[in-house]
Amino acid sequence: MNQLLVLIIGLPCSGKTTLAKKIAKEFGFTHFTTEDIRIEYLNNCNCAPNWEDCDFSPEQLKYVYNEIVQRASRALIDGKSIIIDGVYRNEMQRASVFNIVENNTNLMVLPYYLYCDENESLRRLIERKQIGTNAPAGVSGYKTIKELFVEPDFNVFEYIDTTNGIDSVFSSISEYISGVL
């Protein structure tokens, strides 16, 4: 069985965590998400987090992305396949994950970039806020992140449109992962 690292990136509310959780459940992968580590960081620091329209501070960015790499590396050493999801807004952040691969030649990487129509992403974001689930950003936070986001190299990342929901793409991704395991 191949050891896999699935990397899912994209703007807030593009379906990253929803897809990652489905893949993790289906295949028993260990799942790491930047949002969970950010929440952990905010709960453990002596700061007063502003959850509405918040974006990562430089300190949070450094902590979260370093922590993901450390935890993912440990899981890989333990022989687990993993899935990482987060915005990963620029090449430097993405490189931190790909550097893990350089240290593990037996590891196969499946990088996905999830795209969702902005109106649908904002609808999902507002819905999440209304039902009280943790939303990564408010509308202005989403727009700030979108302005800073650098689209990935499409020779590296598979582009997946999730505007119609995760169920519309899950079966083909699941079949592909099954084929490489």
C-alpha atoms as a PDB file:
ATOM      1  CA  MET A   1       0.000   0.000   0.000  1.00  0.00           C
ATOM      2  CA  ASN A   2       1.316   3.433  -0.941  1.00  0.00           C
ATOM      3  CA  GLN A   3       1.633   6.119   1.688  1.00  0.00           C
ATOM      4  CA  LEU A   4      -0.218   9.255   0.586  1.00  0.00           C
ATOM      5  CA  LEU A   5      -0.242  12.919   1.430  1.00  0.00           C
ATOM      6  CA  VAL A   6      -3.368  14.630   0.134  1.00  0.00           C
ATOM      7  CA  LEU A   7      -3.128  18.421   0.137  1.00  0.00           C
ATOM      8  CA  ILE A   8      -6.336  20.407  -0.351  1.00  0.00           C
ATOM      9  CA  ILE A   9      -6.069  24.171  -0.715  1.00  0.00           C
ATOM     10  CA  GLY A  10      -8.477  26.944  -1.653  1.00  0.00           C
ATOM     11  CA  LEU A  11     -10.319  29.999  -0.451  1.00  0.00           C
ATOM     12  CA  PRO A  12     -12.567  29.933   2.628  1.00  0.00           C
ATOM     13  CA  CYS A  13     -15.808  27.969   2.201  1.00  0.00           C
ATOM     14  CA  SER A  14     -14.650  26.240  -0.977  1.00  0.00           C
ATOM     15  CA  GLY A  15     -15.275  22.854   0.649  1.00  0.00           C
ATOM     16  CA  LYS A  16     -11.720  21.984   1.741  1.00  0.00           C
ATOM     17  CA  THR A  17     -12.490  20.622   5.187  1.00  0.00           C
ATOM     18  CA  THR A  18     -15.731  18.956   4.112  1.00  0.00           C
ATOM     19  CA  LEU A  19     -13.898  17.064   1.373  1.00  0.00           C
ATOM     20  CA  ALA A  20     -10.912  16.316   3.601  1.00  0.00           C
ATOM     21  CA  LYS A  21     -13.140  14.837   6.320  1.00  0.00           C
ATOM     22  CA  LYS A  22     -14.910  12.611   3.790  1.00  0.00           C
ATOM     23  CA  ILE A  23     -11.605  11.365   2.381  1.00  0.00           C
ATOM     24  CA  ALA A  24     -10.157  10.826   5.874  1.00  0.00           C
ATOM     25  CA  LYS A  25     -13.207   8.827   6.919  1.00  0.00           C
ATOM     26  CA  GLU A  26     -13.323   6.770   3.727  1.00  0.00           C
ATOM     27  CA  PHE A  27      -9.632   5.820   3.777  1.00  0.00           C
ATOM     28  CA  GLY A  28      -8.633   6.149   7.430  1.00  0.00           C
ATOM     29  CA  PHE A  29      -6.214   9.017   6.772  1.00  0.00           C
ATOM     30  CA  THR A  30      -5.022  11.289   9.541  1.00  0.00           C
ATOM     31  CA  HIS A  31      -6.512  14.735   8.913  1.00  0.00           C
ATOM     32  CA  PHE A  32      -4.863  18.071   9.686  1.00  0.00           C
ATOM     33  CA  THR A  33      -6.594  21.374   9.052  1.00  0.00           C
ATOM     34  CA  THR A  34      -5.178  24.838   9.537  1.00  0.00           C
ATOM     35  CA  GLU A  35      -8.462  26.003  11.033  1.00  0.00           C
ATOM     36  CA  ASP A  36      -8.322  23.462  13.886  1.00  0.00           C
ATOM     37  CA  ILE A  37      -4.735  24.395  14.703  1.00  0.00           C
ATOM     38  CA  ARG A  38      -5.610  28.091  14.547  1.00  0.00           C
ATOM     39  CA  ILE A  39      -8.496  27.554  16.982  1.00  0.00           C
ATOM     40  CA  GLU A  40      -6.161  25.587  19.237  1.00  0.00           C
ATOM     41  CA  TYR A  41      -3.652  28.439  19.108  1.00  0.00           C
ATOM     42  CA  LEU A  42      -6.271  31.094  19.899  1.00  0.00           C
ATOM     43  CA  ASN A  43      -7.686  29.028  22.778  1.00  0.00           C
ATOM     44  CA  ASN A  44      -4.210  28.596  24.284  1.00  0.00           C
ATOM     45  CA  CYS A  45      -2.919  32.144  23.914  1.00  0.00           C
ATOM     46  CA  ASN A  46      -3.709  35.027  26.188  1.00  0.00           C
ATOM     47  CA  CYS A  47      -5.246  37.002  23.360  1.00  0.00           C
ATOM     48  CA  ALA A  48      -8.869  37.886  22.868  1.00  0.00           C
ATOM     49  CA  PRO A  49      -9.693  36.342  19.511  1.00  0.00           C
ATOM     50  CA  ASN A  50     -12.048  38.223  17.263  1.00  0.00           C
ATOM     51  CA  TRP A  51     -13.734  35.412  15.377  1.00  0.00           C
ATOM     52  CA  GLU A  52     -15.730  37.734  13.161  1.00  0.00           C
ATOM     53  CA  ASP A  53     -13.889  38.591   9.956  1.00  0.00           C
ATOM     54  CA  CYS A  54     -10.592  37.586  11.464  1.00  0.00           C
ATOM     55  CA  ASP A  55      -7.652  36.645   9.354  1.00  0.00           C
ATOM     56  CA  PHE A  56      -4.508  34.969  10.556  1.00  0.00           C
ATOM     57  CA  SER A  57      -2.047  37.361  12.181  1.00  0.00           C
ATOM     58  CA  PRO A  58       1.603  36.897  11.107  1.00  0.00           C
ATOM     59  CA  GLU A  59       2.248  35.139  14.430  1.00  0.00           C
ATOM     60  CA  GLN A  60      -0.705  32.800  13.899  1.00  0.00           C
ATOM     61  CA  LEU A  61       0.372  32.073  10.326  1.00  0.00           C
ATOM     62  CA  LYS A  62       3.845  31.097  11.459  1.00  0.00           C
ATOM     63  CA  TYR A  63       2.576  28.910  14.282  1.00  0.00           C
ATOM     64  CA  VAL A  64      -0.189  27.199  12.293  1.00  0.00           C
ATOM     65  CA  TYR A  65       1.827  26.343   9.198  1.00  0.00           C
ATOM     66  CA  ASN A  66       4.863  25.212  11.212  1.00  0.00           C
ATOM     67  CA  GLU A  67       2.649  23.094  13.454  1.00  0.00           C
ATOM     68  CA  ILE A  68       0.959  21.432  10.464  1.00  0.00           C
ATOM     69  CA  VAL A  69       4.347  20.441   9.049  1.00  0.00           C
ATOM     70  CA  GLN A  70       5.552  19.065  12.389  1.00  0.00           C
ATOM     71  CA  ARG A  71       2.389  17.046  13.037  1.00  0.00           C
ATOM     72  CA  ALA A  72       2.172  15.789   9.467  1.00  0.00           C
ATOM     73  CA  SER A  73       5.835  14.761   9.507  1.00  0.00           C
ATOM     74  CA  ARG A  74       5.325  12.769  12.712  1.00  0.00           C
ATOM     75  CA  ALA A  75       2.276  11.013  11.280  1.00  0.00           C
ATOM     76  CA  LEU A  76       4.185  10.127   8.124  1.00  0.00           C
ATOM     77  CA  ILE A  77       7.083   8.743  10.163  1.00  0.00           C
ATOM     78  CA  ASP A  78       4.496   6.565  11.920  1.00  0.00           C
ATOM     79  CA  GLY A  79       3.541   5.203   8.489  1.00  0.00           C
ATOM     80  CA  LYS A  80       0.175   6.947   8.221  1.00  0.00           C
ATOM     81  CA  SER A  81      -1.320   8.486   5.133  1.00  0.00           C
ATOM     82  CA  ILE A  82      -2.425  12.029   5.782  1.00  0.00           C
ATOM     83  CA  ILE A  83      -4.636  14.749   4.454  1.00  0.00           C
ATOM     84  CA  ILE A  84      -3.956  18.449   5.009  1.00  0.00           C
ATOM     85  CA  ASP A  85      -6.402  21.222   4.255  1.00  0.00           C
ATOM     86  CA  GLY A  86      -6.043  24.961   4.468  1.00  0.00           C
ATOM     87  CA  VAL A  87      -6.036  28.128   2.400  1.00  0.00           C
ATOM     88  CA  TYR A  88      -2.277  27.977   1.688  1.00  0.00           C
ATOM     89  CA  ARG A  89      -2.500  31.354   0.027  1.00  0.00           C
ATOM     90  CA  ASN A  90       0.972  31.517  -1.519  1.00  0.00           C
ATOM     91  CA  GLU A  91       3.807  29.393  -2.836  1.00  0.00           C
ATOM     92  CA  MET A  92       5.896  29.810   0.325  1.00  0.00           C
ATOM     93  CA  GLN A  93       3.152  28.259   2.466  1.00  0.00           C
ATOM     94  CA  ARG A  94       2.619  25.460  -0.062  1.00  0.00           C
ATOM     95  CA  ALA A  95       6.349  24.793  -0.242  1.00  0.00           C
ATOM     96  CA  SER A  96       6.359  23.970   3.465  1.00  0.00           C
ATOM     97  CA  VAL A  97       4.150  20.961   2.711  1.00  0.00           C
ATOM     98  CA  PHE A  98       6.090  19.932  -0.379  1.00  0.00           C
ATOM     99  CA  ASN A  99       9.307  20.039   1.677  1.00  0.00           C
ATOM    100  CA  ILE A 100       7.895  17.121   3.675  1.00  0.00           C
ATOM    101  CA  VAL A 101       7.875  15.115   0.457  1.00  0.00           C
ATOM    102  CA  GLU A 102      11.557  15.755  -0.194  1.00  0.00           C
ATOM    103  CA  ASN A 103      12.354  13.913   3.024  1.00  0.00           C
ATOM    104  CA  ASN A 104      10.180  10.918   2.150  1.00  0.00           C
ATOM    105  CA  THR A 105      10.809   9.430  -1.279  1.00  0.00           C
ATOM    106  CA  ASN A 106       8.156   6.711  -0.839  1.00  0.00           C
ATOM    107  CA  LEU A 107       5.409   9.270  -0.344  1.00  0.00           C
ATOM    108  CA  MET A 108       2.909  10.040  -3.071  1.00  0.00           C
ATOM    109  CA  VAL A 109       1.332  13.515  -3.034  1.00  0.00           C
ATOM    110  CA  LEU A 110      -2.100  14.356  -4.395  1.00  0.00           C
ATOM    111  CA  PRO A 111      -2.493  18.167  -4.463  1.00  0.00           C
ATOM    112  CA  TYR A 112      -5.956  19.615  -5.070  1.00  0.00           C
ATOM    113  CA  TYR A 113      -7.028  23.228  -5.475  1.00  0.00           C
ATOM    114  CA  LEU A 114     -10.722  23.671  -4.730  1.00  0.00           C
ATOM    115  CA  TYR A 115     -12.479  26.497  -6.485  1.00  0.00           C
ATOM    116  CA  CYS A 116     -15.991  27.659  -5.697  1.00  0.00           C
ATOM    117  CA  ASP A 117     -17.968  30.490  -7.237  1.00  0.00           C
ATOM    118  CA  GLU A 118     -17.585  33.518  -4.939  1.00  0.00           C
ATOM    119  CA  ASN A 119     -21.341  33.952  -4.473  1.00  0.00           C
ATOM    120  CA  GLU A 120     -21.666  30.319  -3.393  1.00  0.00           C
ATOM    121  CA  SER A 121     -18.674  30.599  -1.038  1.00  0.00           C
ATOM    122  CA  LEU A 122     -20.180  33.688   0.560  1.00  0.00           C
ATOM    123  CA  ARG A 123     -23.567  31.962   0.855  1.00  0.00           C
ATOM    124  CA  ARG A 124     -21.878  29.039   2.649  1.00  0.00           C
ATOM    125  CA  LEU A 125     -19.964  31.415   4.874  1.00  0.00           C
ATOM    126  CA  ILE A 126     -23.080  33.323   5.916  1.00  0.00           C
ATOM    127  CA  GLU A 127     -24.980  30.071   6.459  1.00  0.00           C
ATOM    128  CA  ARG A 128     -22.222  28.724   8.702  1.00  0.00           C
ATOM    129  CA  LYS A 129     -22.294  31.886  10.773  1.00  0.00           C
ATOM    130  CA  GLN A 130     -26.099  31.771  11.054  1.00  0.00           C
ATOM    131  CA  ILE A 131     -26.169  28.188  12.314  1.00  0.00           C
ATOM    132  CA  GLY A 132     -23.324  28.865  14.708  1.00  0.00           C
ATOM    133  CA  THR A 133     -20.637  26.627  13.241  1.00  0.00           C
ATOM    134  CA  ASN A 134     -17.112  27.909  13.188  1.00  0.00           C
ATOM    135  CA  ALA A 135     -16.536  29.941  10.067  1.00  0.00           C
ATOM    136  CA  PRO A 136     -12.979  30.869   9.144  1.00  0.00           C
ATOM    137  CA  ALA A 137     -13.736  34.431   8.134  1.00  0.00           C
ATOM    138  CA  GLY A 138     -16.574  36.842   7.642  1.00  0.00           C
ATOM    139  CA  VAL A 139     -17.356  38.486   4.323  1.00  0.00           C
ATOM    140  CA  SER A 140     -14.642  41.133   4.620  1.00  0.00           C
ATOM    141  CA  GLY A 141     -12.154  38.507   5.829  1.00  0.00           C
ATOM    142  CA  TYR A 142     -12.997  36.340   2.821  1.00  0.00           C
ATOM    143  CA  LYS A 143     -12.418  39.268   0.474  1.00  0.00           C
ATOM    144  CA  THR A 144      -9.084  40.105   2.126  1.00  0.00           C
ATOM    145  CA  ILE A 145      -7.916  36.507   1.840  1.00  0.00           C
ATOM    146  CA  LYS A 146      -9.073  36.373  -1.791  1.00  0.00           C
ATOM    147  CA  GLU A 147      -7.037  39.492  -2.622  1.00  0.00           C
ATOM    148  CA  LEU A 148      -3.917  37.938  -1.112  1.00  0.00           C
ATOM    149  CA  PHE A 149      -4.440  34.472  -2.594  1.00  0.00           C
ATOM    150  CA  VAL A 150      -2.049  33.439  -5.354  1.00  0.00           C
ATOM    151  CA  GLU A 151      -3.516  30.746  -7.581  1.00  0.00           C
ATOM    152  CA  PRO A 152      -1.406  27.600  -7.559  1.00  0.00           C
ATOM    153  CA  ASP A 153       0.531  26.160 -10.441  1.00  0.00           C
ATOM    154  CA  PHE A 154      -1.994  24.115 -12.375  1.00  0.00           C
ATOM    155  CA  ASN A 155       0.794  21.823 -13.543  1.00  0.00           C
ATOM    156  CA  VAL A 156       1.063  20.741  -9.892  1.00  0.00           C
ATOM    157  CA  PHE A 157      -2.451  21.074  -8.461  1.00  0.00           C
ATOM    158  CA  GLU A 158      -5.588  19.482  -9.819  1.00  0.00           C
ATOM    159  CA  TYR A 159      -8.273  22.139 -10.168  1.00  0.00           C
ATOM    160  CA  ILE A 160     -11.670  21.068  -8.770  1.00  0.00           C
ATOM    161  CA  ASP A 161     -14.829  23.170  -8.983  1.00  0.00           C
ATOM    162  CA  THR A 162     -16.942  22.623  -5.851  1.00  0.00           C
ATOM    163  CA  THR A 163     -19.641  25.185  -6.627  1.00  0.00           C
ATOM    164  CA  ASN A 164     -22.211  22.369  -6.842  1.00  0.00           C
ATOM    165  CA  GLY A 165     -21.029  20.763  -3.603  1.00  0.00           C
ATOM    166  CA  ILE A 166     -18.535  18.147  -2.522  1.00  0.00           C
ATOM    167  CA  ASP A 167     -20.759  15.203  -3.413  1.00  0.00           C
ATOM    168  CA  SER A 168     -20.441  16.200  -7.064  1.00  0.00           C
ATOM    169  CA  VAL A 169     -16.669  15.561  -6.994  1.00  0.00           C
ATOM    170  CA  PHE A 170     -16.128  13.097  -4.151  1.00  0.00           C
ATOM    171  CA  SER A 171     -16.734   9.872  -6.078  1.00  0.00           C
ATOM    172  CA  SER A 172     -14.137  10.641  -8.763  1.00  0.00           C
ATOM    173  CA  ILE A 173     -11.546  11.666  -6.158  1.00  0.00           C
ATOM    174  CA  SER A 174     -12.339   8.591  -4.076  1.00  0.00           C
ATOM    175  CA  GLU A 175     -11.953   6.319  -7.098  1.00  0.00           C
ATOM    176  CA  TYR A 176      -8.605   7.889  -7.940  1.00  0.00           C
ATOM    177  CA  ILE A 177      -7.292   7.505  -4.392  1.00  0.00           C
ATOM    178  CA  SER A 178      -8.464   3.884  -4.320  1.00  0.00           C
ATOM    179  CA  GLY A 179      -6.527   3.297  -7.518  1.00  0.00           C
ATOM    180  CA  VAL A 180      -3.247   4.641  -6.158  1.00  0.00           C
ATOM    181  CA  LEU A 181      -3.495   2.921  -2.786  1.00  0.00           C
END
